[in-house]
Amino acid sequence: NLSKMLKFVVTFLALAAVASAELSCEDCSAIGMAISAQATSEAGIQDQINFLMGDICAAAPPELGCEDNFPAFWTGIATNLFNGEIGWYAPQFLCEDVCQEKFYSQAPTCEDCVSRLYGSTGYMADQEIQVEVVSGFLNSDFCGDDTEICPAALQLVIPMAMNMFAAADVQWAVDFCTVNMGC
């Protein structure tokens, strides 16, 4: 199911992430909870739609009706992909390495916060991970009874979106950490 697939993918990413000697479990968890909340908020999802829609709809076949359907479709994807309990930035996955170490620091530095978020997001470009994420959605009840349009749209949208997120300038992470984590 989608939860197990995301847990596998994000656990893999957390183990592959560069651990920071300065970031504590609590600090990292606070970052994970905050970015998950931001990424699944109405404003956060709208920002993602604005970022993704032009390129994705330009690549979508006309029968998908991308311009009309993308906002609602992406909202469904984003609320699952960035879910605070089981999603990409969920603390249990984003912070698995530092939480096992149980290292405690005074406060996260901006460098630690940016490195953790941007490093994790960079793994979205990995084609094997994209295949796992698409498979997770396809093997869940995400598409309901739709066996044609939704699966085709997932196979187009998820890899493109993940590549676009991975290629985004680091400034989004700097802005997030500065504003939301107070570093």
C-alpha atoms as a PDB file:
ATOM      1  CA  ASN A   1       0.000   0.000   0.000  1.00  0.00           C
ATOM      2  CA  LEU A   2       0.975   3.645  -0.300  1.00  0.00           C
ATOM      3  CA  SER A   3       2.017   3.967   3.341  1.00  0.00           C
ATOM      4  CA  LYS A   4       4.417   1.024   3.179  1.00  0.00           C
ATOM      5  CA  MET A   5       5.879   2.196  -0.138  1.00  0.00           C
ATOM      6  CA  LEU A   6       6.495   5.718   1.151  1.00  0.00           C
ATOM      7  CA  LYS A   7       8.027   4.305   4.341  1.00  0.00           C
ATOM      8  CA  PHE A   8      10.429   2.179   2.272  1.00  0.00           C
ATOM      9  CA  VAL A   9      11.404   5.025  -0.048  1.00  0.00           C
ATOM     10  CA  VAL A  10      11.827   7.669   2.616  1.00  0.00           C
ATOM     11  CA  THR A  11      13.642   5.320   5.002  1.00  0.00           C
ATOM     12  CA  PHE A  12      16.067   4.609   2.179  1.00  0.00           C
ATOM     13  CA  LEU A  13      16.522   8.337   1.669  1.00  0.00           C
ATOM     14  CA  ALA A  14      17.057   9.067   5.331  1.00  0.00           C
ATOM     15  CA  LEU A  15      19.721   6.406   5.583  1.00  0.00           C
ATOM     16  CA  ALA A  16      21.400   7.771   2.488  1.00  0.00           C
ATOM     17  CA  ALA A  17      21.228  11.388   3.696  1.00  0.00           C
ATOM     18  CA  VAL A  18      24.281  13.107   5.050  1.00  0.00           C
ATOM     19  CA  ALA A  19      23.938  13.210   8.807  1.00  0.00           C
ATOM     20  CA  SER A  20      24.746  16.461  10.508  1.00  0.00           C
ATOM     21  CA  ALA A  21      26.685  16.400  13.748  1.00  0.00           C
ATOM     22  CA  GLU A  22      24.804  19.514  14.835  1.00  0.00           C
ATOM     23  CA  LEU A  23      21.213  18.400  14.230  1.00  0.00           C
ATOM     24  CA  SER A  24      19.386  16.676  17.083  1.00  0.00           C
ATOM     25  CA  CYS A  25      16.448  14.309  16.738  1.00  0.00           C
ATOM     26  CA  GLU A  26      14.119  16.924  18.183  1.00  0.00           C
ATOM     27  CA  ASP A  27      15.423  19.654  15.873  1.00  0.00           C
ATOM     28  CA  CYS A  28      15.112  17.443  12.808  1.00  0.00           C
ATOM     29  CA  SER A  29      11.626  16.300  13.841  1.00  0.00           C
ATOM     30  CA  ALA A  30      10.526  19.916  14.218  1.00  0.00           C
ATOM     31  CA  ILE A  31      11.815  20.618  10.700  1.00  0.00           C
ATOM     32  CA  GLY A  32      10.020  17.545   9.318  1.00  0.00           C
ATOM     33  CA  MET A  33       6.732  18.417  10.994  1.00  0.00           C
ATOM     34  CA  ALA A  34       6.919  22.033   9.869  1.00  0.00           C
ATOM     35  CA  ILE A  35       7.746  21.290   6.220  1.00  0.00           C
ATOM     36  CA  SER A  36       5.073  18.574   6.078  1.00  0.00           C
ATOM     37  CA  ALA A  37       2.486  21.020   7.441  1.00  0.00           C
ATOM     38  CA  GLN A  38       3.590  23.684   4.961  1.00  0.00           C
ATOM     39  CA  ALA A  39       3.618  21.284   2.001  1.00  0.00           C
ATOM     40  CA  THR A  40       0.082  20.043   2.744  1.00  0.00           C
ATOM     41  CA  SER A  41      -1.431  23.423   3.589  1.00  0.00           C
ATOM     42  CA  GLU A  42      -3.756  25.105   1.110  1.00  0.00           C
ATOM     43  CA  ALA A  43      -1.149  27.810   0.409  1.00  0.00           C
ATOM     44  CA  GLY A  44       1.670  25.254   0.127  1.00  0.00           C
ATOM     45  CA  ILE A  45      -0.269  23.096  -2.318  1.00  0.00           C
ATOM     46  CA  GLN A  46      -1.198  26.180  -4.360  1.00  0.00           C
ATOM     47  CA  ASP A  47       2.489  27.140  -4.539  1.00  0.00           C
ATOM     48  CA  GLN A  48       3.301  23.621  -5.760  1.00  0.00           C
ATOM     49  CA  ILE A  49       0.532  23.796  -8.379  1.00  0.00           C
ATOM     50  CA  ASN A  50       1.866  27.154  -9.584  1.00  0.00           C
ATOM     51  CA  PHE A  51       5.386  25.720  -9.781  1.00  0.00           C
ATOM     52  CA  LEU A  52       4.445  22.471 -11.551  1.00  0.00           C
ATOM     53  CA  MET A  53       1.403  23.059 -13.706  1.00  0.00           C
ATOM     54  CA  GLY A  54       2.895  24.879 -16.700  1.00  0.00           C
ATOM     55  CA  ASP A  55       5.586  22.314 -17.497  1.00  0.00           C
ATOM     56  CA  ILE A  56       3.474  19.294 -16.655  1.00  0.00           C
ATOM     57  CA  CYS A  57       0.442  20.445 -18.634  1.00  0.00           C
ATOM     58  CA  ALA A  58       2.680  21.287 -21.600  1.00  0.00           C
ATOM     59  CA  ALA A  59       3.813  17.638 -21.610  1.00  0.00           C
ATOM     60  CA  ALA A  60       0.388  16.105 -20.941  1.00  0.00           C
ATOM     61  CA  PRO A  61      -1.701  14.654 -23.753  1.00  0.00           C
ATOM     62  CA  PRO A  62      -4.911  16.622 -24.434  1.00  0.00           C
ATOM     63  CA  GLU A  63      -7.163  13.783 -23.270  1.00  0.00           C
ATOM     64  CA  LEU A  64      -5.953  14.274 -19.695  1.00  0.00           C
ATOM     65  CA  GLY A  65      -7.491  17.764 -19.612  1.00  0.00           C
ATOM     66  CA  CYS A  66      -4.523  18.910 -17.565  1.00  0.00           C
ATOM     67  CA  GLU A  67      -5.396  22.586 -17.265  1.00  0.00           C
ATOM     68  CA  ASP A  68      -8.781  21.745 -15.749  1.00  0.00           C
ATOM     69  CA  ASN A  69      -7.837  18.642 -13.764  1.00  0.00           C
ATOM     70  CA  PHE A  70      -4.309  19.274 -12.506  1.00  0.00           C
ATOM     71  CA  PRO A  71      -5.109  21.394  -9.416  1.00  0.00           C
ATOM     72  CA  ALA A  72      -7.430  18.798  -7.846  1.00  0.00           C
ATOM     73  CA  PHE A  73      -5.248  15.903  -8.997  1.00  0.00           C
ATOM     74  CA  TRP A  74      -2.080  17.438  -7.522  1.00  0.00           C
ATOM     75  CA  THR A  75      -3.887  18.289  -4.290  1.00  0.00           C
ATOM     76  CA  GLY A  76      -4.629  14.577  -3.867  1.00  0.00           C
ATOM     77  CA  ILE A  77      -1.038  13.621  -4.633  1.00  0.00           C
ATOM     78  CA  ALA A  78       0.490  16.296  -2.383  1.00  0.00           C
ATOM     79  CA  THR A  79      -1.644  15.432   0.631  1.00  0.00           C
ATOM     80  CA  ASN A  80      -0.344  11.860   0.389  1.00  0.00           C
ATOM     81  CA  LEU A  81       3.224  12.496  -0.770  1.00  0.00           C
ATOM     82  CA  PHE A  82       3.921  15.097   1.919  1.00  0.00           C
ATOM     83  CA  ASN A  83       1.713  13.667   4.693  1.00  0.00           C
ATOM     84  CA  GLY A  84       3.186  14.443   8.110  1.00  0.00           C
ATOM     85  CA  GLU A  85       2.821  10.856   9.341  1.00  0.00           C
ATOM     86  CA  ILE A  86       3.978   8.809   6.341  1.00  0.00           C
ATOM     87  CA  GLY A  87       5.122  11.292   3.706  1.00  0.00           C
ATOM     88  CA  TRP A  88       8.388  12.413   2.191  1.00  0.00           C
ATOM     89  CA  TYR A  89       9.388  14.737   5.038  1.00  0.00           C
ATOM     90  CA  ALA A  90       7.717  12.846   7.918  1.00  0.00           C
ATOM     91  CA  PRO A  91      10.082  12.993  10.912  1.00  0.00           C
ATOM     92  CA  GLN A  92      10.189   9.207  11.272  1.00  0.00           C
ATOM     93  CA  PHE A  93      11.849   9.023   7.843  1.00  0.00           C
ATOM     94  CA  LEU A  94      13.555  12.391   7.401  1.00  0.00           C
ATOM     95  CA  CYS A  95      15.248  12.064  10.777  1.00  0.00           C
ATOM     96  CA  GLU A  96      15.758   8.347  11.201  1.00  0.00           C
ATOM     97  CA  ASP A  97      19.538   8.602  11.222  1.00  0.00           C
ATOM     98  CA  VAL A  98      19.802  11.470  13.731  1.00  0.00           C
ATOM     99  CA  CYS A  99      17.062  10.079  15.951  1.00  0.00           C
ATOM    100  CA  GLN A 100      18.929   6.787  16.254  1.00  0.00           C
ATOM    101  CA  GLU A 101      22.002   8.714  17.421  1.00  0.00           C
ATOM    102  CA  LYS A 102      19.981  10.705  20.004  1.00  0.00           C
ATOM    103  CA  PHE A 103      22.384  13.629  19.742  1.00  0.00           C
ATOM    104  CA  TYR A 104      21.095  16.798  21.394  1.00  0.00           C
ATOM    105  CA  SER A 105      22.052  20.284  20.328  1.00  0.00           C
ATOM    106  CA  GLN A 106      21.117  23.792  21.380  1.00  0.00           C
ATOM    107  CA  ALA A 107      19.194  24.656  18.212  1.00  0.00           C
ATOM    108  CA  PRO A 108      19.306  23.718  14.552  1.00  0.00           C
ATOM    109  CA  THR A 109      21.441  25.954  12.416  1.00  0.00           C
ATOM    110  CA  CYS A 110      20.118  27.209   9.108  1.00  0.00           C
ATOM    111  CA  GLU A 111      22.842  25.188   7.432  1.00  0.00           C
ATOM    112  CA  ASP A 112      21.609  21.988   9.122  1.00  0.00           C
ATOM    113  CA  CYS A 113      17.986  22.709   8.228  1.00  0.00           C
ATOM    114  CA  VAL A 114      18.719  23.589   4.587  1.00  0.00           C
ATOM    115  CA  SER A 115      21.069  20.638   4.170  1.00  0.00           C
ATOM    116  CA  ARG A 116      18.515  18.178   5.538  1.00  0.00           C
ATOM    117  CA  LEU A 117      15.600  19.460   3.427  1.00  0.00           C
ATOM    118  CA  TYR A 118      17.483  20.106   0.210  1.00  0.00           C
ATOM    119  CA  GLY A 119      19.383  16.829   0.511  1.00  0.00           C
ATOM    120  CA  SER A 120      16.191  14.831   0.945  1.00  0.00           C
ATOM    121  CA  THR A 121      14.473  16.643  -1.915  1.00  0.00           C
ATOM    122  CA  GLY A 122      17.451  15.948  -4.175  1.00  0.00           C
ATOM    123  CA  TYR A 123      16.680  12.236  -3.971  1.00  0.00           C
ATOM    124  CA  MET A 124      13.395  12.875  -5.743  1.00  0.00           C
ATOM    125  CA  ALA A 125      15.357  12.837  -9.026  1.00  0.00           C
ATOM    126  CA  ASP A 126      16.248   9.167  -8.577  1.00  0.00           C
ATOM    127  CA  GLN A 127      14.338   7.219 -11.224  1.00  0.00           C
ATOM    128  CA  GLU A 128      14.050   4.075  -9.084  1.00  0.00           C
ATOM    129  CA  ILE A 129      12.512   6.098  -6.277  1.00  0.00           C
ATOM    130  CA  GLN A 130      10.090   7.703  -8.735  1.00  0.00           C
ATOM    131  CA  VAL A 131       9.033   4.247  -9.935  1.00  0.00           C
ATOM    132  CA  GLU A 132       8.442   3.179  -6.314  1.00  0.00           C
ATOM    133  CA  VAL A 133       6.355   6.286  -5.602  1.00  0.00           C
ATOM    134  CA  VAL A 134       4.254   5.827  -8.754  1.00  0.00           C
ATOM    135  CA  SER A 135       3.799   2.134  -7.908  1.00  0.00           C
ATOM    136  CA  GLY A 136       2.721   3.033  -4.400  1.00  0.00           C
ATOM    137  CA  PHE A 137       0.002   5.321  -5.720  1.00  0.00           C
ATOM    138  CA  LEU A 138      -1.054   2.797  -8.384  1.00  0.00           C
ATOM    139  CA  ASN A 139      -1.246  -0.010  -5.822  1.00  0.00           C
ATOM    140  CA  SER A 140      -3.320   2.091  -3.408  1.00  0.00           C
ATOM    141  CA  ASP A 141      -6.936   3.160  -3.732  1.00  0.00           C
ATOM    142  CA  PHE A 142      -5.846   6.618  -4.917  1.00  0.00           C
ATOM    143  CA  CYS A 143      -7.390   6.226  -8.401  1.00  0.00           C
ATOM    144  CA  GLY A 144     -10.562   4.521  -7.201  1.00  0.00           C
ATOM    145  CA  ASP A 145     -12.394   2.927 -10.120  1.00  0.00           C
ATOM    146  CA  ASP A 146     -10.494   4.935 -12.752  1.00  0.00           C
ATOM    147  CA  THR A 147      -8.263   2.412 -14.501  1.00  0.00           C
ATOM    148  CA  GLU A 148      -7.208   4.589 -17.434  1.00  0.00           C
ATOM    149  CA  ILE A 149      -6.900   8.355 -16.943  1.00  0.00           C
ATOM    150  CA  CYS A 150      -5.679   8.441 -13.332  1.00  0.00           C
ATOM    151  CA  PRO A 151      -2.934   5.799 -13.765  1.00  0.00           C
ATOM    152  CA  ALA A 152      -1.696   7.486 -16.948  1.00  0.00           C
ATOM    153  CA  ALA A 153      -1.716  10.855 -15.214  1.00  0.00           C
ATOM    154  CA  LEU A 154       0.201   9.478 -12.201  1.00  0.00           C
ATOM    155  CA  GLN A 155       2.869   8.043 -14.495  1.00  0.00           C
ATOM    156  CA  LEU A 156       3.297  11.442 -16.133  1.00  0.00           C
ATOM    157  CA  VAL A 157       2.852  13.792 -13.177  1.00  0.00           C
ATOM    158  CA  ILE A 158       4.818  12.155 -10.360  1.00  0.00           C
ATOM    159  CA  PRO A 159       8.174  11.718 -12.157  1.00  0.00           C
ATOM    160  CA  MET A 160       7.974  15.198 -13.700  1.00  0.00           C
ATOM    161  CA  ALA A 161       7.019  16.807 -10.389  1.00  0.00           C
ATOM    162  CA  MET A 162       9.731  14.966  -8.466  1.00  0.00           C
ATOM    163  CA  ASN A 163      12.354  15.988 -11.058  1.00  0.00           C
ATOM    164  CA  MET A 164      11.194  19.597 -10.897  1.00  0.00           C
ATOM    165  CA  PHE A 165      11.328  19.631  -7.085  1.00  0.00           C
ATOM    166  CA  ALA A 166      14.791  18.051  -7.114  1.00  0.00           C
ATOM    167  CA  ALA A 167      16.081  20.593  -9.635  1.00  0.00           C
ATOM    168  CA  ALA A 168      14.610  23.617  -7.835  1.00  0.00           C
ATOM    169  CA  ASP A 169      16.996  26.236  -6.551  1.00  0.00           C
ATOM    170  CA  VAL A 170      18.030  25.807  -2.899  1.00  0.00           C
ATOM    171  CA  GLN A 171      16.484  29.182  -2.043  1.00  0.00           C
ATOM    172  CA  TRP A 172      13.127  27.575  -1.156  1.00  0.00           C
ATOM    173  CA  ALA A 173      14.832  25.597   1.619  1.00  0.00           C
ATOM    174  CA  VAL A 174      16.727  28.671   2.843  1.00  0.00           C
ATOM    175  CA  ASP A 175      13.485  30.668   2.932  1.00  0.00           C
ATOM    176  CA  PHE A 176      11.591  27.890   4.693  1.00  0.00           C
ATOM    177  CA  CYS A 177      14.271  27.386   7.341  1.00  0.00           C
ATOM    178  CA  THR A 178      14.687  31.108   7.971  1.00  0.00           C
ATOM    179  CA  VAL A 179      10.971  31.860   8.259  1.00  0.00           C
ATOM    180  CA  ASN A 180       9.652  28.676   9.867  1.00  0.00           C
ATOM    181  CA  MET A 181      12.543  27.409  11.951  1.00  0.00           C
ATOM    182  CA  GLY A 182      13.841  30.783  13.124  1.00  0.00           C
ATOM    183  CA  CYS A 183      17.436  30.050  12.353  1.00  0.00           C
END
